[in-house]
Structure formats: C-alpha cells, structure tokens
Amino acid sequence: MADAVVIPGGRFGPGAPLLMYAGDVAEQRGAKVHRHSWSQEFPKLDQPEIESWVGDEIVPLLDTIGGRPLLIGKSLGTNAAAIAAERSLPAVWLTPLLTLPWVADALGRATAPFLLVGGTADKLWDGDLARRLSPHVLEVAGADHGMYVPGPLTESIAVLSRVVVAVEEFLDAVGWPR
C-alpha cells in the first residue's frame, strides 16, 4: 500500500479544503493518508530555522511510515521540500513559499517529480520560477495565498476543483502510486 503525508500550512490544519481534497485524491488511489498537525508553535516563517523546525516535525513521521510516501504540503509545510529532495520523494506543493530562498533551493535539488500550485495574487508565489523548477505547475490567475479569487465564492470553489484535477493529472503523469 502506498502512503501519503499531508503537511499543513500555518493557519489551518490538514483538514483545510486544499489539503483535504489533495489527500483524498491519494486515498482514492489506495493510499493510506497520514494527516500531520503541528505539535507546537512554529518560528517566524521568513527565518531559515523554520526549515529545520518543519523537518523536526515531519521526519519522525516519515521514519515511522518508511518507504517513499507522497508528500502533500501547503505554505509552511513546503519547508519540507528539503526532506523531499534528500529522500527523493514525490510531492504536491500547494501555495509553496517560493520567495524563501531555502524552499526554492530545495525544490531545485529535487530528483523526484513534484507539482506546484499557486496564484498570481499570492506575494509568496513566483510563476516564472515555478515553471523553471517543474513541468508540473498549476497557476491560477488572480488567486491569493488561500487560492481564493475575486468575485463570488463559487469562483474560489471552482479553483479548488481545478486543484483536484491538477493533482489527479500529476499523479497520473508520474504513475503514482507504483
């Protein structure tokens, strides 16, 4: 059986809609989904020690699971990109912190495929960098860091649907799970 690890952002837990549905995609493919919750308050997001803090939270779970799980992380959770690079783990990174040099560097070292999902109204997103880092990118015009777009809420719900399709297509393209 394949495994997937859901790594939350800073504001909401692993049951937030983007993470919940991305994890559900993996579960529908037969994966056991491990939804991580932070055990303590995290340091400032723009400080390099955040990467090791996230590692300290995630590595024990990965060591318990073993194998090569799919990582699904949002925002703060994308600081686990260094772990994915070190362990050659496939990943889905939702609203990655591409403006943080250590996150961008870790993504650049990755040998396993990964999907990047972000919006043009997110100050932490860099679409040009995303497309240089991976052939698997969903960029949503006007979407902010929560992947909300201006207008009626139904438009943001439609974005969530696009994210689910992108995750499904990415996993199909890379043949996950094997």
Protein backbone atom coordinates (compact mmCIF):
# COMPACT_ATOMS: atom_id res chain seq x y z
CA MET A 1 0.00 0.00 0.00
CA ALA A 2 1.20 3.49 -0.83
CA ASP A 3 1.36 6.25 1.75
CA ALA A 4 0.77 9.99 1.53
CA VAL A 5 1.68 12.56 4.17
CA VAL A 6 -0.36 15.75 4.41
CA ILE A 7 1.67 18.64 5.86
CA PRO A 8 -0.38 21.69 6.83
CA GLY A 9 0.20 25.37 6.45
CA GLY A 10 0.45 27.75 9.35
CA ARG A 11 -3.14 28.94 9.68
CA PHE A 12 -5.25 25.83 9.19
CA GLY A 13 -4.69 22.17 9.86
CA PRO A 14 -4.52 19.21 7.49
CA GLY A 15 -8.31 19.20 7.06
CA ALA A 16 -8.36 22.57 5.27
CA PRO A 17 -10.04 22.17 1.88
CA LEU A 18 -6.95 22.29 -0.37
CA LEU A 19 -5.13 19.73 1.75
CA MET A 20 -8.18 17.62 2.46
CA TYR A 21 -9.07 17.14 -1.19
CA ALA A 22 -5.47 16.63 -2.32
CA GLY A 23 -5.15 13.93 0.34
CA ASP A 24 -8.46 12.46 -0.77
CA VAL A 25 -7.07 12.09 -4.31
CA ALA A 26 -4.25 9.95 -2.89
CA GLU A 27 -6.68 7.99 -0.71
CA GLN A 28 -8.92 7.22 -3.70
CA ARG A 29 -5.83 5.70 -5.33
CA GLY A 30 -5.47 3.27 -2.43
CA ALA A 31 -3.01 5.25 -0.32
CA LYS A 32 -3.02 5.41 3.43
CA VAL A 33 -3.11 9.14 4.20
CA HIS A 34 -1.29 10.45 7.26
CA ARG A 35 -2.55 13.94 8.17
CA HIS A 36 0.02 15.75 10.29
CA SER A 37 -0.83 18.50 12.79
CA TRP A 38 1.84 20.78 14.22
CA SER A 39 2.73 19.87 17.80
CA GLN A 40 3.88 23.34 18.83
CA GLU A 41 4.02 26.97 17.79
CA PHE A 42 6.26 27.49 14.79
CA PRO A 43 9.04 30.09 14.45
CA LYS A 44 8.79 33.05 12.11
CA LEU A 45 8.07 31.96 8.57
CA ASP A 46 10.76 34.13 6.99
CA GLN A 47 13.62 32.78 9.11
CA PRO A 48 15.81 29.90 7.86
CA GLU A 49 15.33 27.89 11.08
CA ILE A 50 11.73 27.25 10.01
CA GLU A 51 13.04 24.62 7.59
CA SER A 52 14.67 22.56 10.35
CA TRP A 53 11.64 23.09 12.61
CA VAL A 54 9.39 21.59 9.93
CA GLY A 55 11.92 18.79 9.47
CA ASP A 56 11.87 18.04 13.20
CA GLU A 57 8.09 17.70 13.00
CA ILE A 58 7.92 15.63 9.79
CA VAL A 59 10.98 13.34 9.83
CA PRO A 60 9.80 11.19 12.77
CA LEU A 61 6.51 10.55 10.95
CA LEU A 62 8.33 9.68 7.72
CA ASP A 63 10.68 7.36 9.60
CA THR A 64 7.69 5.56 11.12
CA ILE A 65 5.98 5.16 7.75
CA GLY A 66 9.08 4.16 5.79
CA GLY A 67 9.11 3.70 2.04
CA ARG A 68 8.62 6.59 -0.37
CA PRO A 69 5.41 8.39 0.58
CA LEU A 70 3.90 11.17 -1.45
CA LEU A 71 4.22 14.49 0.39
CA ILE A 72 1.34 16.97 0.13
CA GLY A 73 2.20 20.29 1.75
CA LYS A 74 0.78 23.78 1.88
CA SER A 75 2.63 27.02 2.53
CA LEU A 76 4.53 26.46 5.82
CA GLY A 77 4.55 22.74 5.01
CA THR A 78 6.52 23.40 1.82
CA ASN A 79 9.56 23.84 4.05
CA ALA A 80 9.61 20.04 3.87
CA ALA A 81 10.89 20.36 0.28
CA ALA A 82 14.43 19.76 1.61
CA ILE A 83 13.30 16.42 3.05
CA ALA A 84 11.63 15.52 -0.24
CA ALA A 85 14.86 16.36 -2.07
CA GLU A 86 17.05 14.36 0.35
CA ARG A 87 14.78 11.29 0.23
CA SER A 88 13.72 11.59 -3.43
CA LEU A 89 10.03 11.78 -2.51
CA PRO A 90 7.34 12.87 -4.95
CA ALA A 91 5.32 15.85 -3.78
CA VAL A 92 2.39 18.14 -4.28
CA TRP A 93 3.23 21.65 -3.04
CA LEU A 94 0.20 23.91 -2.60
CA THR A 95 0.98 27.64 -2.42
CA PRO A 96 4.70 26.97 -1.92
CA LEU A 97 6.83 29.66 -0.32
CA LEU A 98 8.84 30.24 -3.50
CA THR A 99 10.13 33.62 -2.29
CA LEU A 100 12.04 31.92 0.55
CA PRO A 101 15.47 31.04 -0.87
CA TRP A 102 15.83 27.77 1.08
CA VAL A 103 12.49 26.48 -0.24
CA ALA A 104 13.39 27.40 -3.83
CA ASP A 105 16.85 25.85 -3.41
CA ALA A 106 15.39 22.61 -2.02
CA LEU A 107 12.94 22.39 -4.91
CA GLY A 108 15.84 22.90 -7.28
CA ARG A 109 17.63 19.88 -5.75
CA ALA A 110 14.63 17.57 -6.06
CA THR A 111 15.06 14.43 -8.12
CA ALA A 112 11.50 13.12 -7.73
CA PRO A 113 8.65 14.84 -9.60
CA PHE A 114 6.54 17.47 -7.89
CA LEU A 115 3.51 19.62 -8.63
CA LEU A 116 3.48 23.32 -7.77
CA VAL A 117 0.14 25.10 -7.29
CA GLY A 118 -0.16 28.84 -6.77
CA GLY A 119 -1.89 32.03 -7.74
CA THR A 120 -0.77 35.24 -9.37
CA ALA A 121 -2.12 37.38 -6.49
CA ASP A 122 -0.01 35.49 -3.92
CA LYS A 123 3.05 37.54 -2.89
CA LEU A 124 4.87 34.30 -2.00
CA TRP A 125 4.37 32.78 -5.48
CA ASP A 126 6.75 33.21 -8.40
CA GLY A 127 5.22 31.71 -11.52
CA ASP A 128 8.36 32.05 -13.64
CA LEU A 129 10.43 30.27 -11.01
CA ALA A 130 7.74 27.59 -10.62
CA ARG A 131 7.84 26.82 -14.34
CA ARG A 132 11.65 26.62 -14.26
CA LEU A 133 11.55 24.21 -11.30
CA SER A 134 8.92 21.77 -12.55
CA PRO A 135 6.98 20.87 -15.68
CA HIS A 136 4.01 20.26 -13.37
CA VAL A 137 2.54 23.66 -12.48
CA LEU A 138 -0.98 24.97 -11.92
CA GLU A 139 -1.00 28.76 -11.80
CA VAL A 140 -4.38 30.40 -11.22
CA ALA A 141 -4.83 33.98 -12.37
CA GLY A 142 -5.92 36.24 -9.54
CA ALA A 143 -5.70 33.58 -6.81
CA ASP A 144 -4.25 34.64 -3.45
CA HIS A 145 -2.33 32.55 -0.91
CA GLY A 146 -5.51 30.70 0.08
CA MET A 147 -6.29 30.12 -3.62
CA TYR A 148 -9.28 32.45 -3.38
CA VAL A 149 -10.08 34.55 -6.43
CA PRO A 150 -12.06 37.81 -6.58
CA GLY A 151 -15.80 37.58 -7.10
CA PRO A 152 -18.44 35.20 -5.83
CA LEU A 153 -17.26 32.43 -3.51
CA THR A 154 -18.33 29.90 -6.11
CA GLU A 155 -15.41 31.09 -8.26
CA SER A 156 -12.97 30.09 -5.49
CA ILE A 157 -14.73 26.75 -5.11
CA ALA A 158 -14.18 26.25 -8.85
CA VAL A 159 -10.46 26.88 -8.24
CA LEU A 160 -10.49 24.07 -5.65
CA SER A 161 -11.91 21.80 -8.33
CA ARG A 162 -9.09 22.82 -10.69
CA VAL A 163 -6.55 21.96 -8.00
CA VAL A 164 -8.07 18.49 -7.54
CA VAL A 165 -7.90 17.89 -11.31
CA ALA A 166 -4.26 19.09 -11.37
CA VAL A 167 -3.34 16.67 -8.54
CA GLU A 168 -5.09 13.79 -10.33
CA GLU A 169 -3.36 14.61 -13.63
CA PHE A 170 0.03 14.95 -11.92
CA LEU A 171 -0.30 11.58 -10.20
CA ASP A 172 -1.39 10.02 -13.49
CA ALA A 173 1.57 11.59 -15.31
CA VAL A 174 4.12 10.29 -12.82
CA GLY A 175 2.46 6.91 -12.35
CA TRP A 176 1.75 7.27 -8.62
CA PRO A 177 1.31 5.04 -6.81
CA ARG A 178 3.58 2.46 -8.37
